[in-house]
Amino acid sequence: MKVWIPSPLRSYTGQQKQVEAEGATVGELLVDLDRRFPGIRFRMIDEQDGIRLHIRIFVNREPVGRLDTPLLASDEVQIFQALSGG
């Protein structure tokens, strides 16, 4: 399925803004992304296996907050990363 990658994480994907990945759930999709682009999952998932506070994941433009959210091969996943600073 298509996965849109935010600018701050594109260093993991060779600057690709859209990549392909597979998974029956959001969690499995992120594991597949990490297999294809090592290290990217850690930037999105914390040590307690939850989505980091500054990451938002959307499936077909609907926000999801759980890694066990089911996916279909036809779904489109968008990942957003909030930027902060002062």
Protein backbone atom coordinates (compact mmCIF):
# COMPACT_ATOMS: atom_id res chain seq x y z
CA MET A 1 0.00 0.00 0.00
CA LYS A 2 1.05 3.61 -0.40
CA VAL A 3 2.64 5.28 2.62
CA TRP A 4 3.32 9.02 2.68
CA ILE A 5 6.45 9.91 4.67
CA PRO A 6 6.88 13.31 6.38
CA SER A 7 9.89 15.46 5.49
CA PRO A 8 11.74 14.90 8.82
CA LEU A 9 11.73 11.11 8.26
CA ARG A 10 12.70 11.10 4.59
CA SER A 11 16.38 10.68 5.44
CA TYR A 12 15.45 7.05 6.17
CA THR A 13 13.75 6.57 2.78
CA GLY A 14 16.38 8.15 0.57
CA GLN A 15 14.27 11.33 0.42
CA GLN A 16 11.28 9.47 -1.02
CA LYS A 17 8.02 11.11 0.03
CA GLN A 18 5.94 8.04 -0.88
CA VAL A 19 6.92 4.42 -0.39
CA GLU A 20 5.25 1.02 -0.54
CA ALA A 21 4.81 -1.21 2.51
CA GLU A 22 2.66 -4.14 3.62
CA GLY A 23 0.84 -5.13 6.76
CA ALA A 24 -2.54 -6.30 8.03
CA THR A 25 -2.41 -3.66 10.81
CA VAL A 26 -0.74 -0.30 11.32
CA GLY A 27 1.79 -1.99 13.63
CA GLU A 28 2.69 -4.61 11.01
CA LEU A 29 3.00 -1.86 8.40
CA LEU A 30 5.50 0.00 10.59
CA VAL A 31 7.50 -3.21 11.12
CA ASP A 32 7.62 -3.66 7.33
CA LEU A 33 8.71 -0.04 6.89
CA ASP A 34 11.49 -0.64 9.39
CA ARG A 35 12.58 -3.76 7.53
CA ARG A 36 12.79 -1.73 4.31
CA PHE A 37 14.14 1.45 5.96
CA PRO A 38 16.02 0.48 9.15
CA GLY A 39 15.54 2.82 12.10
CA ILE A 40 12.39 4.59 10.91
CA ARG A 41 10.03 2.76 13.29
CA PHE A 42 11.90 3.94 16.37
CA ARG A 43 11.22 7.54 15.32
CA MET A 44 7.48 6.83 15.35
CA ILE A 45 7.01 4.26 18.15
CA ASP A 46 8.14 4.68 21.75
CA GLU A 47 9.66 2.14 24.16
CA GLN A 48 6.18 1.15 25.42
CA ASP A 49 5.15 0.25 21.85
CA GLY A 50 2.87 3.26 21.47
CA ILE A 51 2.73 5.94 18.82
CA ARG A 52 4.97 8.83 19.85
CA LEU A 53 3.14 12.03 20.88
CA HIS A 54 4.50 14.06 17.98
CA ILE A 55 3.47 11.49 15.34
CA ARG A 56 0.03 11.31 13.73
CA ILE A 57 -1.00 8.45 11.47
CA PHE A 58 -3.94 8.63 9.10
CA VAL A 59 -5.51 5.82 7.11
CA ASN A 60 -7.54 7.06 4.15
CA ARG A 61 -7.44 10.53 5.74
CA GLU A 62 -8.92 9.28 9.01
CA PRO A 63 -6.76 9.56 12.16
CA VAL A 64 -5.80 6.35 13.93
CA GLY A 65 -4.28 6.04 17.37
CA ARG A 66 -3.74 2.32 17.72
CA LEU A 67 -1.19 -0.04 16.23
CA ASP A 68 -3.79 -2.80 15.95
CA THR A 69 -5.90 -0.76 13.51
CA PRO A 70 -6.62 -3.11 10.56
CA LEU A 71 -5.47 -2.22 7.05
CA LEU A 72 -6.45 -3.28 3.55
CA ALA A 73 -4.04 -3.48 0.62
CA SER A 74 -5.96 -0.64 -1.04
CA ASP A 75 -5.55 1.75 1.94
CA GLU A 76 -3.39 4.85 1.84
CA VAL A 77 -1.42 5.71 4.97
CA GLN A 78 -0.16 9.18 5.76
CA ILE A 79 2.34 9.85 8.54
CA PHE A 80 2.71 13.35 9.96
CA GLN A 81 5.33 14.59 12.39
CA ALA A 82 4.76 17.71 14.44
CA LEU A 83 7.63 20.16 14.56
CA SER A 84 8.40 22.08 17.71
CA GLY A 85 10.95 24.48 18.95
CA GLY A 86 11.35 27.93 20.25
